[in-house]
Amino acid sequence: MNSYQEINTFINHVYDEKRFLNDEFQTIFHYANHKFDTFLTQFDKNRELADFQQSINHAVQLM
């Protein structure tokens, strides 16, 4: 199972109740953050990707 399938399966399972609990949302956020870190390593600290990750982090903090 690839990464997309893993997170998609997890989200479908969690969202089956039609809502996310805070700890479930945090799990998804940490998974996505880890993927961004992997991409940043692969693409030699791409500035646009880093800025996008920072924007997402900021948006999540505002939630």
C-alpha atoms as a PDB file:
ATOM      1  CA  MET A   1       0.000   0.000   0.000  1.00  0.00           C
ATOM      2  CA  ASN A   2       1.482   3.375  -0.970  1.00  0.00           C
ATOM      3  CA  SER A   3       1.413   6.520   1.176  1.00  0.00           C
ATOM      4  CA  TYR A   4      -1.638   7.963  -0.569  1.00  0.00           C
ATOM      5  CA  GLN A   5      -3.619   4.775  -0.002  1.00  0.00           C
ATOM      6  CA  GLU A   6      -2.555   4.630   3.645  1.00  0.00           C
ATOM      7  CA  ILE A   7      -3.667   8.166   4.486  1.00  0.00           C
ATOM      8  CA  ASN A   8      -6.791   7.851   2.354  1.00  0.00           C
ATOM      9  CA  THR A   9      -7.797   4.647   4.153  1.00  0.00           C
ATOM     10  CA  PHE A  10      -7.149   6.307   7.515  1.00  0.00           C
ATOM     11  CA  ILE A  11      -9.141   9.437   6.627  1.00  0.00           C
ATOM     12  CA  ASN A  12     -12.052   7.388   5.290  1.00  0.00           C
ATOM     13  CA  HIS A  13     -12.085   5.344   8.487  1.00  0.00           C
ATOM     14  CA  VAL A  14     -11.908   8.402  10.725  1.00  0.00           C
ATOM     15  CA  TYR A  15     -14.417  10.440   8.720  1.00  0.00           C
ATOM     16  CA  ASP A  16     -16.907   7.578   8.700  1.00  0.00           C
ATOM     17  CA  GLU A  17     -18.471   9.344  11.701  1.00  0.00           C
ATOM     18  CA  LYS A  18     -18.695  12.564   9.590  1.00  0.00           C
ATOM     19  CA  ARG A  19     -16.373  14.448  11.932  1.00  0.00           C
ATOM     20  CA  PHE A  20     -12.757  14.490  13.083  1.00  0.00           C
ATOM     21  CA  LEU A  21     -11.768  14.420  16.716  1.00  0.00           C
ATOM     22  CA  ASN A  22      -8.836  16.632  17.669  1.00  0.00           C
ATOM     23  CA  ASP A  23      -6.428  13.735  18.158  1.00  0.00           C
ATOM     24  CA  GLU A  24      -7.422  12.278  14.779  1.00  0.00           C
ATOM     25  CA  PHE A  25      -6.857  15.641  13.119  1.00  0.00           C
ATOM     26  CA  GLN A  26      -3.456  15.924  14.814  1.00  0.00           C
ATOM     27  CA  THR A  27      -2.508  12.458  13.545  1.00  0.00           C
ATOM     28  CA  ILE A  28      -3.345  13.482   9.974  1.00  0.00           C
ATOM     29  CA  PHE A  29      -1.474  16.766  10.416  1.00  0.00           C
ATOM     30  CA  HIS A  30       1.653  15.033  11.736  1.00  0.00           C
ATOM     31  CA  TYR A  31       1.542  12.503   8.900  1.00  0.00           C
ATOM     32  CA  ALA A  32       1.288  15.295   6.317  1.00  0.00           C
ATOM     33  CA  ASN A  33       4.052  17.256   8.022  1.00  0.00           C
ATOM     34  CA  HIS A  34       6.314  14.208   7.899  1.00  0.00           C
ATOM     35  CA  LYS A  35       5.602  13.840   4.162  1.00  0.00           C
ATOM     36  CA  PHE A  36       6.498  17.490   3.580  1.00  0.00           C
ATOM     37  CA  ASP A  37       9.780  16.987   5.427  1.00  0.00           C
ATOM     38  CA  THR A  38      10.492  14.007   3.163  1.00  0.00           C
ATOM     39  CA  PHE A  39       9.735  16.091   0.058  1.00  0.00           C
ATOM     40  CA  LEU A  40      11.950  18.918   1.295  1.00  0.00           C
ATOM     41  CA  THR A  41      14.811  16.464   1.672  1.00  0.00           C
ATOM     42  CA  GLN A  42      14.208  14.997  -1.787  1.00  0.00           C
ATOM     43  CA  PHE A  43      13.935  18.390  -3.496  1.00  0.00           C
ATOM     44  CA  ASP A  44      16.867  20.031  -1.739  1.00  0.00           C
ATOM     45  CA  LYS A  45      14.901  22.362   0.551  1.00  0.00           C
ATOM     46  CA  ASN A  46      12.692  23.803  -2.223  1.00  0.00           C
ATOM     47  CA  ARG A  47      11.662  27.279  -1.038  1.00  0.00           C
ATOM     48  CA  GLU A  48       8.138  27.195  -2.501  1.00  0.00           C
ATOM     49  CA  LEU A  49       7.446  23.831  -0.896  1.00  0.00           C
ATOM     50  CA  ALA A  50       8.797  25.065   2.441  1.00  0.00           C
ATOM     51  CA  ASP A  51       6.600  28.183   2.219  1.00  0.00           C
ATOM     52  CA  PHE A  52       3.570  26.028   1.448  1.00  0.00           C
ATOM     53  CA  GLN A  53       4.293  23.810   4.449  1.00  0.00           C
ATOM     54  CA  GLN A  54       4.615  26.870   6.659  1.00  0.00           C
ATOM     55  CA  SER A  55       1.275  28.204   5.372  1.00  0.00           C
ATOM     56  CA  ILE A  56      -0.412  24.913   6.185  1.00  0.00           C
ATOM     57  CA  ASN A  57       1.137  24.872   9.659  1.00  0.00           C
ATOM     58  CA  HIS A  58      -0.147  28.392  10.277  1.00  0.00           C
ATOM     59  CA  ALA A  59      -3.653  27.517   9.020  1.00  0.00           C
ATOM     60  CA  VAL A  60      -3.819  24.464  11.283  1.00  0.00           C
ATOM     61  CA  GLN A  61      -2.755  26.544  14.288  1.00  0.00           C
ATOM     62  CA  LEU A  62      -5.617  28.948  13.582  1.00  0.00           C
ATOM     63  CA  MET A  63      -8.134  26.107  13.592  1.00  0.00           C
END
